[in-house]
Amino acid sequence: MNSRRNFLGGALGGAALSALAGRASASSTATAPAERVRPTSLLGLPEPVVQTSADTQPPLQPPNGRPYRPVLTLNGWTLPWRMKGGVKEFHLVAEPVLREIAPGMTARLWGYNGQSPGPTIEVVEGDRVRLFVTNRLPEVTTVHWHGQRLPAGMDGVAGLTQPAIPVGQTFVYEFVARRPGTFMYHPHADEMVQMAMGMMGFWVTHPKVRHPHISEVDRDVCFLLNAYDIEPGASTPKVNTMLDFNLWTWNSRAFPGIDGIHVRHNDRVRIRIGNLTMTNHPIHIHGHEFEVTGTDGGPVPKSARWPEVTTDVAVGQMRQIEFIADELGDWAFHCHKSHHTMNAMGHNVPNLIGVKQDDLVRDINRLVPGYMAMGETGMHEMAEMDMDLPDNTLPMMTGTGPFGAIGMGGMFTTVKVRKDQPPASHPDGHKDPGWYRHPPGTLARSHQQGESLPDAHRAPTAAPDSPPAASAVELQVRKPGHGHHGH
């Protein structure tokens, strides 16, 4: 069966297109990808490959050029290229797209090659890269290659470094990927509108030789932080919103639409995170510690790292974290701003905790049958109730785990660590292993009055290798003006 990489490594023809249409995904997190090659009248350019599925696609193994270990783009994919005269040629198409935010809600966004965010671009340090950008938006645009060292005329700032790309035209950018690292791409033309509509993408430059500050990893995952303000029942974001967003997403997906990260026990895992929202995000993992090993400025020397469980990713920043997945289980991974793990919430809802509403509910039900009061004892009930919602919106808290409602939305997913998870190179390497089976005695449970408990383990009075207890020490306190020599 022909794969996407085989297709692009050979001739661009109709027979290969037919093979693509029947290609099954090698990733069990994905259904058969809705991937297609869009015809173009721009003869001589690489055909623009389009992806319409919101499922995580398998890493794209490099068909030619310098070898590297590819990344997995969470709920995304990697853009293929063709080699021409020793240059890697890519084709981006800026265009309106439909993006499923989560099952039950689709947004009308702007993006690249059928998706928002656009496809991840992967190259190797030292590669000469040529990027054709075709504008199918209703207005002019550019592409800024965030964090790259390149000639000023390739930097993509409309009016400053280049003329904007007119509607219907194609511009070409060409530069050498000079340093390894984690980067982004996005417009620098009508930026408030175009980025609020979802125009952004990920860029990874792999090192060409072993780098002293870049470790070999078993899993390499990337995604962008983005946010939208879409009224319930609507499908187009409000572009003038500054702070009051109601959909907080990873790669334009909200939980439970965000795929999990599935790894093998003791894997070294790298996660690359870019922030193109209007606020910072403290990204937090449960059950493990990590180190920040890179930023959009480059790899962090090992002497400058320290252990964390949360790292703050500010606006316009990239953070690359790494950890050893040595704790089995299903671990939460999320933004630690509580409003960012909710969907489609209103910002003017009064706090009704402790307010009795029984009489009010009876009166309203006469006019609106089925009305339910909420908030008297908190908001968790919203994660458990089946409520009528406007079309094309999401519940505020959603998602179900092995023990009931998870009560989260937005920027939330899981890291599942298993001993029997296949390695990343295996076709099932990113397969969802299902829910974790907790060993006996390791699961929090209800305690009944009078229930006998096993003897508690007592902490030792002194560790075997600990030093003897220190003898009492007399402390003398000297106050200013009362010590020797008037001190």
Protein backbone atom coordinates (compact mmCIF):
# COMPACT_ATOMS: atom_id res chain seq x y z
CA MET A 1 0.00 0.00 0.00
CA ASN A 2 1.35 3.42 -0.89
CA SER A 3 1.79 5.85 1.97
CA ARG A 4 1.84 9.61 1.86
CA ARG A 5 5.64 9.68 2.05
CA ASN A 6 6.00 7.20 -0.83
CA PHE A 7 3.63 9.29 -2.89
CA LEU A 8 5.59 12.47 -2.38
CA GLY A 9 8.91 10.75 -2.84
CA GLY A 10 7.89 9.70 -6.36
CA ALA A 11 5.97 11.26 -9.20
CA LEU A 12 2.93 13.38 -8.38
CA GLY A 13 0.27 11.57 -10.37
CA GLY A 14 -3.27 10.31 -10.48
CA ALA A 15 -2.36 6.71 -9.64
CA ALA A 16 -0.71 7.80 -6.40
CA LEU A 17 -3.73 9.96 -5.56
CA SER A 18 -5.98 6.91 -5.89
CA ALA A 19 -3.72 4.98 -3.54
CA LEU A 20 -3.88 7.83 -1.00
CA ALA A 21 -7.66 7.72 -0.96
CA GLY A 22 -7.63 4.14 0.32
CA ARG A 23 -4.75 4.45 2.74
CA ALA A 24 -5.53 3.32 6.28
CA SER A 25 -4.04 5.17 9.19
CA ALA A 26 -1.11 3.55 10.96
CA SER A 27 -2.15 5.20 14.22
CA SER A 28 -4.94 3.75 16.32
CA THR A 29 -5.70 7.23 17.66
CA ALA A 30 -6.77 8.14 14.16
CA THR A 31 -9.44 7.01 11.80
CA ALA A 32 -8.62 6.75 8.10
CA PRO A 33 -7.30 10.25 7.39
CA ALA A 34 -9.34 12.53 5.17
CA GLU A 35 -6.17 13.47 3.36
CA ARG A 36 -6.19 14.57 -0.24
CA VAL A 37 -4.10 16.39 -2.80
CA ARG A 38 -5.78 19.55 -4.01
CA PRO A 39 -5.31 20.34 -7.70
CA THR A 40 -3.58 23.62 -8.42
CA SER A 41 -3.17 25.67 -11.54
CA LEU A 42 0.28 26.77 -10.37
CA LEU A 43 2.35 24.50 -12.59
CA GLY A 44 5.70 23.46 -11.22
CA LEU A 45 4.81 23.90 -7.54
CA PRO A 46 4.52 21.00 -5.10
CA GLU A 47 0.87 19.96 -4.91
CA PRO A 48 -0.75 21.20 -1.67
CA VAL A 49 -1.66 18.23 0.52
CA VAL A 50 -4.80 18.79 2.62
CA GLN A 51 -5.96 17.15 5.85
CA THR A 52 -9.55 17.47 7.09
CA SER A 53 -9.55 14.91 9.91
CA ALA A 54 -9.12 16.24 13.46
CA ASP A 55 -7.61 12.96 14.65
CA THR A 56 -3.95 12.62 15.56
CA GLN A 57 -2.11 11.34 12.49
CA PRO A 58 0.97 9.08 12.75
CA PRO A 59 4.40 10.70 12.65
CA LEU A 60 5.68 11.27 9.11
CA GLN A 61 8.84 9.25 8.66
CA PRO A 62 11.23 11.24 6.44
CA PRO A 63 11.26 9.70 2.94
CA ASN A 64 14.41 11.55 1.88
CA GLY A 65 16.90 14.16 3.05
CA ARG A 66 18.70 13.95 6.39
CA PRO A 67 17.22 11.35 8.78
CA TYR A 68 15.53 12.34 12.04
CA ARG A 69 13.04 10.99 14.58
CA PRO A 70 9.72 12.68 13.75
CA VAL A 71 7.31 14.31 16.19
CA LEU A 72 3.70 13.39 16.89
CA THR A 73 1.40 16.42 16.50
CA LEU A 74 -1.49 16.07 18.94
CA ASN A 75 -4.73 16.19 16.91
CA GLY A 76 -2.67 17.22 13.90
CA TRP A 77 -0.26 16.08 11.22
CA THR A 78 3.05 16.83 9.50
CA LEU A 79 3.25 18.52 6.09
CA PRO A 80 4.97 16.40 3.39
CA TRP A 81 7.60 17.93 1.12
CA ARG A 82 9.38 17.20 -2.12
CA MET A 83 13.11 17.40 -2.74
CA LYS A 84 14.14 19.53 -5.71
CA GLY A 85 17.77 20.35 -6.38
CA GLY A 86 18.69 19.60 -2.77
CA VAL A 87 15.98 21.95 -1.42
CA LYS A 88 13.00 20.85 0.68
CA GLU A 89 9.88 22.36 -0.91
CA PHE A 90 6.63 22.75 1.01
CA HIS A 91 3.30 24.24 -0.07
CA LEU A 92 1.06 26.02 2.46
CA VAL A 93 -2.42 27.19 1.48
CA ALA A 94 -3.97 29.89 3.70
CA GLU A 95 -7.73 29.37 3.55
CA PRO A 96 -11.03 29.18 5.45
CA VAL A 97 -11.45 25.79 7.16
CA LEU A 98 -13.95 23.83 9.23
CA ARG A 99 -12.49 22.50 12.48
CA GLU A 100 -14.24 20.17 14.90
CA ILE A 101 -13.43 21.60 18.34
CA ALA A 102 -14.86 18.47 19.99
CA PRO A 103 -17.64 16.06 19.02
CA GLY A 104 -20.81 18.14 18.76
CA MET A 105 -19.18 21.43 17.80
CA THR A 106 -17.59 22.65 14.58
CA ALA A 107 -16.01 26.09 14.13
CA ARG A 108 -15.55 28.14 10.97
CA LEU A 109 -11.90 29.15 11.23
CA TRP A 110 -9.03 30.23 9.02
CA GLY A 111 -6.02 27.97 8.74
CA TYR A 112 -3.69 26.16 6.38
CA ASN A 113 -4.16 23.09 4.18
CA GLY A 114 -7.60 22.22 5.50
CA GLN A 115 -6.95 22.60 9.22
CA SER A 116 -6.39 24.96 12.12
CA PRO A 117 -3.70 24.86 13.28
CA GLY A 118 -1.93 24.20 10.03
CA PRO A 119 0.32 21.17 9.57
CA THR A 120 3.57 20.85 11.48
CA ILE A 121 6.68 21.53 9.39
CA GLU A 122 9.68 19.33 10.24
CA VAL A 123 13.18 19.95 8.89
CA VAL A 124 16.77 19.30 9.91
CA GLU A 125 19.38 21.84 10.94
CA GLY A 126 21.20 22.98 7.81
CA ASP A 127 18.33 22.18 5.42
CA ARG A 128 17.61 24.73 2.70
CA VAL A 129 13.86 25.19 2.82
CA ARG A 130 11.57 26.67 0.16
CA LEU A 131 7.98 27.39 1.20
CA PHE A 132 5.29 28.33 -1.29
CA VAL A 133 2.35 30.13 0.34
CA THR A 134 -0.88 30.47 -1.63
CA ASN A 135 -3.48 32.91 -0.32
CA ARG A 136 -7.08 31.68 -0.57
CA LEU A 137 -8.36 33.98 2.18
CA PRO A 138 -10.69 36.92 1.44
CA GLU A 139 -7.89 39.37 2.37
CA VAL A 140 -4.12 39.75 2.15
CA THR A 141 -1.83 37.74 4.42
CA THR A 142 1.84 36.84 5.14
CA VAL A 143 3.66 34.14 7.10
CA HIS A 144 6.09 34.98 9.89
CA TRP A 145 8.49 32.18 10.83
CA HIS A 146 8.50 32.76 14.58
CA GLY A 147 11.94 32.32 16.19
CA GLN A 148 13.88 31.57 12.99
CA ARG A 149 17.22 33.12 12.05
CA LEU A 150 16.76 34.16 8.41
CA PRO A 151 17.19 37.06 5.97
CA ALA A 152 15.04 40.06 6.94
CA GLY A 153 13.16 39.88 3.65
CA MET A 154 11.89 36.40 4.57
CA ASP A 155 10.58 37.38 8.03
CA GLY A 156 6.97 37.84 6.89
CA VAL A 157 5.90 41.22 8.32
CA ALA A 158 3.51 42.93 5.90
CA GLY A 159 4.67 46.40 4.87
CA LEU A 160 7.97 46.15 6.76
CA THR A 161 9.85 43.20 5.30
CA GLN A 162 7.64 42.34 2.31
CA PRO A 163 4.49 43.33 0.46
CA ALA A 164 1.45 41.40 1.68
CA ILE A 165 0.38 38.36 -0.35
CA PRO A 166 -2.65 39.44 -2.43
CA VAL A 167 -5.77 37.29 -2.59
CA GLY A 168 -5.28 34.45 -5.06
CA GLN A 169 -1.51 34.84 -5.36
CA THR A 170 1.44 32.69 -4.25
CA PHE A 171 4.64 33.95 -2.60
CA VAL A 172 7.78 31.95 -1.98
CA TYR A 173 9.98 32.05 1.14
CA GLU A 174 13.44 30.50 1.14
CA PHE A 175 16.03 30.22 3.89
CA VAL A 176 18.32 27.80 5.70
CA ALA A 177 17.13 26.24 8.96
CA ARG A 178 20.11 27.48 10.90
CA ARG A 179 19.53 26.18 14.41
CA PRO A 180 17.67 23.24 15.99
CA GLY A 181 14.66 23.95 18.14
CA THR A 182 10.93 24.40 18.52
CA PHE A 183 9.26 27.21 16.58
CA MET A 184 5.93 28.42 15.15
CA TYR A 185 4.53 30.11 12.07
CA HIS A 186 1.66 32.60 11.91
CA PRO A 187 0.60 35.73 9.99
CA HIS A 188 1.92 39.24 10.51
CA ALA A 189 -0.89 40.82 8.49
CA ASP A 190 -4.22 41.76 10.08
CA GLU A 191 -2.87 39.71 12.94
CA MET A 192 -5.73 40.43 15.37
CA VAL A 193 -8.23 38.87 12.97
CA GLN A 194 -6.16 36.15 11.39
CA MET A 195 -4.70 34.68 14.58
CA ALA A 196 -8.06 34.96 16.38
CA MET A 197 -9.48 32.94 13.48
CA GLY A 198 -6.91 30.17 14.02
CA MET A 199 -4.04 30.88 11.62
CA MET A 200 -0.94 29.31 13.16
CA GLY A 201 1.22 26.22 12.91
CA PHE A 202 4.12 24.37 14.50
CA TRP A 203 7.72 24.13 13.23
CA VAL A 204 10.39 21.71 14.47
CA THR A 205 14.04 21.84 13.39
CA HIS A 206 15.83 18.62 14.37
CA PRO A 207 19.61 18.64 15.07
CA LYS A 208 21.73 17.24 12.22
CA VAL A 209 24.24 15.65 14.62
CA ARG A 210 24.12 14.72 18.27
CA HIS A 211 23.73 17.92 20.30
CA PRO A 212 25.16 18.26 23.86
CA HIS A 213 21.91 19.82 25.15
CA ILE A 214 19.38 17.77 23.15
CA SER A 215 18.69 14.26 24.44
CA GLU A 216 17.50 11.28 22.47
CA VAL A 217 13.86 10.65 23.44
CA ASP A 218 11.40 7.79 22.97
CA ARG A 219 8.34 10.04 22.42
CA ASP A 220 8.24 13.55 20.97
CA VAL A 221 4.85 15.32 21.04
CA CYS A 222 3.91 18.88 20.07
CA PHE A 223 0.84 21.12 20.15
CA LEU A 224 -0.15 24.81 20.18
CA LEU A 225 -2.23 26.60 22.80
CA ASN A 226 -5.04 28.64 21.25
CA ALA A 227 -8.36 30.13 22.37
CA TYR A 228 -11.60 31.27 20.78
CA ASP A 229 -14.65 33.32 21.69
CA ILE A 230 -17.58 31.61 19.97
CA GLU A 231 -21.12 32.28 21.20
CA PRO A 232 -23.18 29.13 21.92
CA GLY A 233 -25.00 28.26 18.72
CA ALA A 234 -22.58 30.26 16.55
CA SER A 235 -19.58 28.88 14.66
CA THR A 236 -17.38 31.92 13.86
CA PRO A 237 -15.05 33.40 16.52
CA LYS A 238 -15.39 36.98 17.69
CA VAL A 239 -12.07 38.53 16.70
CA ASN A 240 -12.14 41.62 18.97
CA THR A 241 -12.09 39.65 22.22
CA MET A 242 -9.05 40.42 24.37
CA LEU A 243 -9.49 38.24 27.47
CA ASP A 244 -13.00 36.77 27.79
CA PHE A 245 -12.56 33.66 25.67
CA ASN A 246 -14.91 30.73 26.25
CA LEU A 247 -13.08 27.93 24.42
CA TRP A 248 -9.56 27.12 25.57
CA THR A 249 -7.95 24.61 23.24
CA TRP A 250 -4.88 22.59 22.37
CA ASN A 251 -4.42 22.52 18.61
CA SER A 252 -7.95 23.94 18.29
CA ARG A 253 -9.43 21.01 20.23
CA ALA A 254 -11.17 21.11 23.62
CA PHE A 255 -11.47 18.20 26.03
CA PRO A 256 -12.81 15.55 25.54
CA GLY A 257 -11.82 16.15 21.90
CA ILE A 258 -8.10 16.35 22.78
CA ASP A 259 -6.38 13.01 22.21
CA GLY A 260 -4.37 11.50 25.04
CA ILE A 261 -0.60 10.99 25.11
CA HIS A 262 0.12 7.25 25.32
CA VAL A 263 3.61 6.15 26.34
CA ARG A 264 5.58 3.12 27.42
CA HIS A 265 6.76 2.72 31.01
CA ASN A 266 10.18 4.38 31.48
CA ASP A 267 10.04 6.17 28.12
CA ARG A 268 11.82 9.50 27.97
CA VAL A 269 9.06 11.85 26.78
CA ARG A 270 9.49 15.28 25.21
CA ILE A 271 6.47 17.59 24.90
CA ARG A 272 6.77 20.84 22.91
CA ILE A 273 4.20 23.55 23.68
CA GLY A 274 3.66 26.88 21.90
CA ASN A 275 1.35 29.64 23.12
CA LEU A 276 -0.48 31.90 20.67
CA THR A 277 -3.36 32.87 22.95
CA MET A 278 -3.81 36.26 24.67
CA THR A 279 -2.73 35.06 28.13
CA ASN A 280 -0.23 32.82 29.90
CA HIS A 281 -0.85 29.14 30.69
CA PRO A 282 0.72 27.24 33.63
CA ILE A 283 0.94 23.74 32.16
CA HIS A 284 0.89 21.05 34.86
CA ILE A 285 1.45 17.29 34.86
CA HIS A 286 0.38 14.82 37.55
CA GLY A 287 2.49 11.98 38.91
CA HIS A 288 5.83 13.07 37.42
CA GLU A 289 8.43 15.83 37.48
CA PHE A 290 9.88 17.34 34.33
CA GLU A 291 12.60 19.76 33.27
CA VAL A 292 12.29 22.60 30.77
CA THR A 293 14.89 21.54 28.20
CA GLY A 294 14.25 24.14 25.50
CA THR A 295 12.56 27.38 24.53
CA ASP A 296 12.05 29.16 21.20
CA GLY A 297 15.50 30.60 21.90
CA GLY A 298 17.09 27.16 21.75
CA PRO A 299 18.02 24.22 23.99
CA VAL A 300 18.59 24.92 27.68
CA PRO A 301 22.03 23.84 28.98
CA LYS A 302 21.73 21.00 31.50
CA SER A 303 23.34 23.14 34.20
CA ALA A 304 20.46 25.64 33.93
CA ARG A 305 17.58 23.17 34.43
CA TRP A 306 15.64 22.27 37.55
CA PRO A 307 12.72 19.92 38.32
CA GLU A 308 9.16 21.22 38.01
CA VAL A 309 5.61 19.90 37.80
CA THR A 310 4.25 23.14 36.31
CA THR A 311 5.76 25.54 33.80
CA ASP A 312 4.25 28.84 32.76
CA VAL A 313 4.07 29.36 28.99
CA ALA A 314 3.67 33.08 28.29
CA VAL A 315 2.19 34.66 25.18
CA GLY A 316 4.34 34.06 22.12
CA GLN A 317 6.59 31.57 23.93
CA MET A 318 7.58 27.98 23.32
CA ARG A 319 8.43 25.57 26.10
CA GLN A 320 9.94 22.13 25.65
CA ILE A 321 9.62 19.80 28.65
CA GLU A 322 11.03 16.31 29.22
CA PHE A 323 10.36 13.62 31.81
CA ILE A 324 10.80 9.91 32.44
CA ALA A 325 7.40 8.18 32.41
CA ASP A 326 8.23 5.93 35.37
CA GLU A 327 4.86 5.97 37.14
CA LEU A 328 2.13 3.69 35.76
CA GLY A 329 -1.38 5.07 35.46
CA ASP A 330 -3.63 7.59 33.78
CA TRP A 331 -2.27 11.03 34.67
CA ALA A 332 -3.95 14.38 34.15
CA PHE A 333 -2.10 16.95 32.02
CA HIS A 334 -3.65 20.40 31.82
CA CYS A 335 -3.50 24.15 32.18
CA HIS A 336 -3.70 25.02 35.87
CA LYS A 337 -5.93 28.07 35.38
CA SER A 338 -9.25 26.58 36.44
CA HIS A 339 -11.32 28.57 33.91
CA HIS A 340 -9.13 27.17 31.14
CA THR A 341 -10.33 23.62 31.83
CA MET A 342 -13.95 24.53 31.09
CA ASN A 343 -15.90 25.00 27.86
CA ALA A 344 -18.35 27.68 26.70
CA MET A 345 -18.82 29.22 30.14
CA GLY A 346 -20.51 32.56 30.70
CA HIS A 347 -18.60 35.27 32.56
CA ASN A 348 -21.53 37.05 34.20
CA VAL A 349 -23.13 34.14 36.07
CA PRO A 350 -23.86 35.01 39.75
CA ASN A 351 -22.55 32.80 42.54
CA LEU A 352 -25.62 30.96 43.89
CA ILE A 353 -23.87 28.65 46.37
CA GLY A 354 -26.16 28.32 49.42
CA VAL A 355 -29.10 30.07 47.73
CA LYS A 356 -32.34 28.01 47.96
CA GLN A 357 -34.16 28.06 44.63
CA ASP A 358 -37.01 25.56 45.08
CA ASP A 359 -39.83 28.13 44.95
CA LEU A 360 -38.22 29.90 41.99
CA VAL A 361 -37.90 26.62 40.07
CA ARG A 362 -41.60 25.86 40.58
CA ASP A 363 -42.61 29.26 39.24
CA ILE A 364 -40.27 29.11 36.23
CA ASN A 365 -41.34 25.56 35.36
CA ARG A 366 -44.86 26.80 34.78
CA LEU A 367 -43.49 28.90 31.93
CA VAL A 368 -40.43 26.85 30.93
CA PRO A 369 -41.02 23.13 31.51
CA GLY A 370 -37.81 21.25 32.22
CA TYR A 371 -35.97 24.27 33.70
CA MET A 372 -33.30 23.21 36.25
CA ALA A 373 -31.73 25.37 38.91
CA MET A 374 -27.99 25.05 39.30
CA GLY A 375 -25.23 26.34 41.52
CA GLU A 376 -26.78 25.89 44.97
CA THR A 377 -24.14 23.37 46.02
CA GLY A 378 -21.46 24.13 43.41
CA MET A 379 -21.13 23.45 39.69
CA HIS A 380 -20.02 19.81 39.52
CA GLU A 381 -23.60 18.80 38.76
CA MET A 382 -23.10 20.36 35.32
CA ALA A 383 -20.61 17.58 34.56
CA GLU A 384 -23.20 14.90 35.34
CA MET A 385 -26.46 16.32 33.94
CA ASP A 386 -27.79 15.79 30.45
CA MET A 387 -29.00 19.26 29.52
CA ASP A 388 -30.46 20.73 26.39
CA LEU A 389 -27.85 22.96 24.75
CA PRO A 390 -27.96 25.27 21.75
CA ASP A 391 -26.80 23.67 18.53
CA ASN A 392 -23.06 23.70 17.89
CA THR A 393 -21.75 24.28 21.39
CA LEU A 394 -20.20 22.22 24.19
CA PRO A 395 -21.07 21.58 27.84
CA MET A 396 -19.03 23.60 30.32
CA MET A 397 -17.55 20.45 31.89
CA THR A 398 -17.58 17.16 30.07
CA GLY A 399 -15.78 13.87 29.52
CA THR A 400 -16.30 10.54 31.25
CA GLY A 401 -13.65 8.37 32.88
CA PRO A 402 -13.75 4.89 34.44
CA PHE A 403 -15.33 6.27 37.62
CA GLY A 404 -17.82 8.72 36.17
CA ALA A 405 -17.79 12.35 35.06
CA ILE A 406 -14.30 13.86 34.89
CA GLY A 407 -15.72 17.36 35.20
CA MET A 408 -13.14 19.05 32.99
CA GLY A 409 -13.08 20.68 29.58
CA GLY A 410 -10.81 22.97 27.60
CA MET A 411 -7.06 22.51 28.01
CA PHE A 412 -7.04 19.04 29.54
CA THR A 413 -5.94 15.57 28.48
CA THR A 414 -4.29 12.47 29.92
CA VAL A 415 -0.84 10.91 29.84
CA LYS A 416 -1.30 7.12 29.94
CA VAL A 417 1.77 5.16 31.04
CA ARG A 418 1.78 1.39 30.46
CA LYS A 419 4.37 -1.40 30.63
CA ASP A 420 2.94 -3.11 27.55
CA GLN A 421 2.57 0.00 25.37
CA PRO A 422 4.38 -0.67 22.07
CA PRO A 423 7.36 1.55 21.27
CA ALA A 424 6.72 4.72 19.30
CA SER A 425 8.08 3.16 16.09
CA HIS A 426 5.46 0.38 16.17
CA PRO A 427 2.23 0.87 14.16
CA ASP A 428 0.31 0.68 17.46
CA GLY A 429 2.83 2.78 19.36
CA HIS A 430 0.33 5.58 20.00
CA LYS A 431 -2.71 3.35 20.51
CA ASP A 432 -5.00 4.22 23.42
CA PRO A 433 -4.49 1.38 25.95
CA GLY A 434 -7.83 2.00 27.68
CA TRP A 435 -8.30 2.89 31.32
CA TYR A 436 -5.72 1.92 33.92
CA ARG A 437 -6.37 -1.09 36.17
CA HIS A 438 -5.24 -0.12 39.64
CA PRO A 439 -3.39 -2.79 41.66
CA PRO A 440 -5.18 -3.91 44.84
CA GLY A 441 -4.84 -1.47 47.69
CA THR A 442 -3.83 1.49 45.49
CA LEU A 443 -7.25 3.00 44.76
CA ALA A 444 -8.91 5.65 46.93
CA ARG A 445 -12.26 4.29 48.15
CA SER A 446 -15.11 4.88 50.53
CA HIS A 447 -14.48 4.10 54.19
CA GLN A 448 -17.35 2.66 56.21
CA GLN A 449 -17.81 3.40 59.92
CA GLY A 450 -16.37 0.57 61.99
CA GLU A 451 -14.52 -0.98 59.07
CA SER A 452 -11.33 -2.73 60.11
CA LEU A 453 -8.19 -1.46 58.49
CA PRO A 454 -4.80 -3.08 58.01
CA ASP A 455 -2.12 -2.00 60.45
CA ALA A 456 -0.68 1.32 59.45
CA HIS A 457 2.96 1.35 58.45
CA ARG A 458 4.89 3.47 60.90
CA ALA A 459 7.72 5.67 59.79
CA PRO A 460 11.05 4.48 61.23
CA THR A 461 12.33 6.51 64.14
CA ALA A 462 15.59 7.00 62.28
CA ALA A 463 16.69 5.96 58.86
CA PRO A 464 19.46 3.31 58.93
CA ASP A 465 22.00 5.63 57.38
CA SER A 466 20.90 8.83 59.09
CA PRO A 467 23.37 10.64 61.38
CA PRO A 468 22.80 10.54 65.14
CA ALA A 469 20.47 13.14 66.56
CA ALA A 470 22.19 16.45 67.29
CA SER A 471 22.67 17.38 70.94
CA ALA A 472 20.95 20.43 72.31
CA VAL A 473 22.62 23.67 71.34
CA GLU A 474 22.46 26.80 73.45
CA LEU A 475 21.55 29.82 71.37
CA GLN A 476 22.54 33.31 72.38
CA VAL A 477 20.70 36.20 70.81
CA ARG A 478 22.36 39.56 70.60
CA LYS A 479 20.22 42.59 70.00
CA PRO A 480 21.56 45.73 68.29
CA GLY A 481 23.30 47.93 70.80
CA HIS A 482 23.56 45.24 73.48
CA GLY A 483 26.48 43.11 72.33
CA HIS A 484 30.21 43.37 72.84
CA HIS A 485 31.82 46.66 71.98
CA GLY A 486 28.41 48.23 71.73
CA HIS A 487 27.25 45.91 68.92
